[in-house]
N, C-alpha and C. Protein backbone atom coordinates (compact mmCIF):
# COMPACT_ATOMS: atom_id res chain seq x y z
N UNK A 1 -28.56 7.83 51.03
CA UNK A 1 -29.73 6.58 51.06
C UNK A 1 -30.35 8.06 50.89
N UNK A 2 -30.71 8.96 51.22
CA UNK A 2 -31.27 10.12 50.95
C UNK A 2 -32.09 10.15 49.31
N UNK A 3 -31.01 10.05 48.59
CA UNK A 3 -31.54 9.91 46.89
C UNK A 3 -32.21 8.68 47.04
N UNK A 4 -32.30 7.06 47.70
CA UNK A 4 -32.70 6.30 46.89
C UNK A 4 -33.93 6.10 48.05
N UNK A 5 -33.97 6.34 48.70
CA UNK A 5 -35.55 6.96 50.02
C UNK A 5 -36.29 7.66 49.14
N UNK A 6 -35.08 9.06 48.83
CA UNK A 6 -36.63 9.91 48.37
C UNK A 6 -37.59 9.43 46.06
N UNK A 7 -36.43 8.19 45.89
CA UNK A 7 -36.15 7.57 44.92
C UNK A 7 -38.08 6.50 44.99
N UNK A 8 -37.15 5.41 45.88
CA UNK A 8 -38.88 4.68 46.76
C UNK A 8 -39.65 5.74 46.71
N UNK A 9 -39.20 6.51 47.32
CA UNK A 9 -41.28 7.57 47.69
C UNK A 9 -41.82 7.87 46.79
N UNK A 10 -41.34 8.22 46.30
CA UNK A 10 -41.60 8.70 44.31
C UNK A 10 -41.80 7.22 44.01
N UNK A 11 -41.50 6.13 43.52
CA UNK A 11 -42.76 4.43 43.35
C UNK A 11 -43.79 4.58 43.71
N UNK A 12 -43.06 4.53 45.06
CA UNK A 12 -44.76 4.16 45.12
C UNK A 12 -45.42 5.08 45.39
N UNK A 13 -45.42 6.49 45.25
CA UNK A 13 -46.86 7.26 44.92
C UNK A 13 -46.28 6.83 44.05
N UNK A 14 -46.12 6.68 42.69
CA UNK A 14 -47.17 6.38 41.62
C UNK A 14 -47.39 4.77 41.60
N UNK A 15 -46.87 3.50 42.62
CA UNK A 15 -48.08 2.89 42.08
C UNK A 15 -49.25 2.29 42.87
N UNK A 16 -49.42 3.90 44.13
CA UNK A 16 -50.01 4.02 44.73
C UNK A 16 -51.15 5.07 43.50
N UNK A 17 -50.20 5.73 43.17
CA UNK A 17 -52.06 6.43 41.68
C UNK A 17 -52.73 5.59 40.56
N UNK A 18 -51.47 5.08 40.43
CA UNK A 18 -51.87 3.60 39.26
C UNK A 18 -52.93 2.88 40.24
N UNK A 19 -52.16 2.46 41.48
CA UNK A 19 -53.69 1.61 42.00
C UNK A 19 -55.28 2.23 42.42
N UNK A 20 -54.42 3.86 42.24
CA UNK A 20 -56.10 4.15 43.13
C UNK A 20 -57.14 4.25 41.31
N UNK A 21 -56.71 4.47 40.31
CA UNK A 21 -56.77 4.85 39.35
C UNK A 21 -57.51 3.22 38.53
N UNK A 22 -56.81 2.22 38.63
CA UNK A 22 -56.88 1.26 38.61
C UNK A 22 -58.68 0.93 38.98
N UNK A 23 -58.12 1.14 40.53
CA UNK A 23 -59.24 0.22 41.39
C UNK A 23 -60.73 1.82 40.78
N UNK A 24 -60.25 2.89 41.16
CA UNK A 24 -61.75 3.57 40.03
C UNK A 24 -61.69 3.50 39.06
N UNK A 25 -61.50 2.99 37.57
CA UNK A 25 -61.98 2.32 37.16
C UNK A 25 -62.82 1.21 36.37
N UNK A 26 -62.42 0.13 37.83
CA UNK A 26 -62.98 -1.06 37.60
C UNK A 26 -64.42 -0.85 38.27
N UNK A 27 -64.38 0.12 39.69
CA UNK A 27 -65.95 0.77 40.01
C UNK A 27 -66.22 1.51 38.78
N UNK A 28 -66.59 1.96 38.18
CA UNK A 28 -67.19 2.98 37.16
C UNK A 28 -66.85 2.57 35.65
N UNK A 29 -66.70 1.08 35.57
CA UNK A 29 -66.11 1.08 34.16
C UNK A 29 -67.09 1.32 33.15
N UNK A 30 -68.57 1.46 33.03
CA UNK A 30 -69.79 1.20 32.61
C UNK A 30 -69.74 2.45 32.01
N UNK A 31 -69.04 4.30 33.09
CA UNK A 31 -68.94 5.02 32.66
C UNK A 31 -67.33 5.28 32.01
N UNK A 32 -66.54 4.93 32.06
CA UNK A 32 -65.83 5.62 31.56
C UNK A 32 -65.74 4.78 29.96
N UNK A 33 -66.23 3.58 30.23
CA UNK A 33 -66.52 3.16 28.57
C UNK A 33 -67.61 4.44 27.61
N UNK A 34 -68.66 4.52 28.68
CA UNK A 34 -69.95 5.92 27.50
C UNK A 34 -69.15 7.15 27.61
N UNK A 35 -67.97 7.39 28.55
CA UNK A 35 -67.36 8.88 27.67
C UNK A 35 -66.29 8.10 26.83
N UNK A 36 -66.03 8.04 26.82
CA UNK A 36 -64.58 7.41 25.34
C UNK A 36 -65.06 7.48 24.58
N UNK A 37 -66.74 6.71 24.11
CA UNK A 37 -67.32 6.56 22.85
C UNK A 37 -68.20 8.21 22.53
N UNK A 38 -68.34 9.11 23.47
CA UNK A 38 -68.61 10.20 23.56
C UNK A 38 -67.52 11.13 22.90
N UNK A 39 -66.24 10.83 23.24
CA UNK A 39 -64.91 10.93 23.24
C UNK A 39 -64.40 10.22 21.77
N UNK A 40 -64.98 9.21 21.13
CA UNK A 40 -64.56 8.68 20.20
C UNK A 40 -65.07 9.45 19.72
N UNK A 41 -67.08 10.05 19.32
CA UNK A 41 -67.68 10.73 18.51
C UNK A 41 -67.00 11.83 18.39
N UNK A 42 -66.63 12.11 19.21
CA UNK A 42 -66.51 13.37 18.94
C UNK A 42 -65.01 14.43 18.29
N UNK A 43 -64.26 12.93 18.45
CA UNK A 43 -63.03 13.50 17.46
C UNK A 43 -63.18 13.16 16.43
N UNK A 44 -63.85 12.10 15.97
CA UNK A 44 -64.31 11.51 14.56
C UNK A 44 -65.17 12.88 13.11
N UNK A 45 -65.46 13.52 14.60
CA UNK A 45 -66.74 14.87 13.63
C UNK A 45 -65.53 16.05 13.45
């Protein structure tokens, strides 16, 4: 029982983390795109 509950807790934590990251990405999608352009330009050099 404790093993399955700890797995469920980890799974819930992962899903929550992904959800938070997705929401923050949607809220700041323009700044994220700008950051990606900067990283791409730096990696090309």
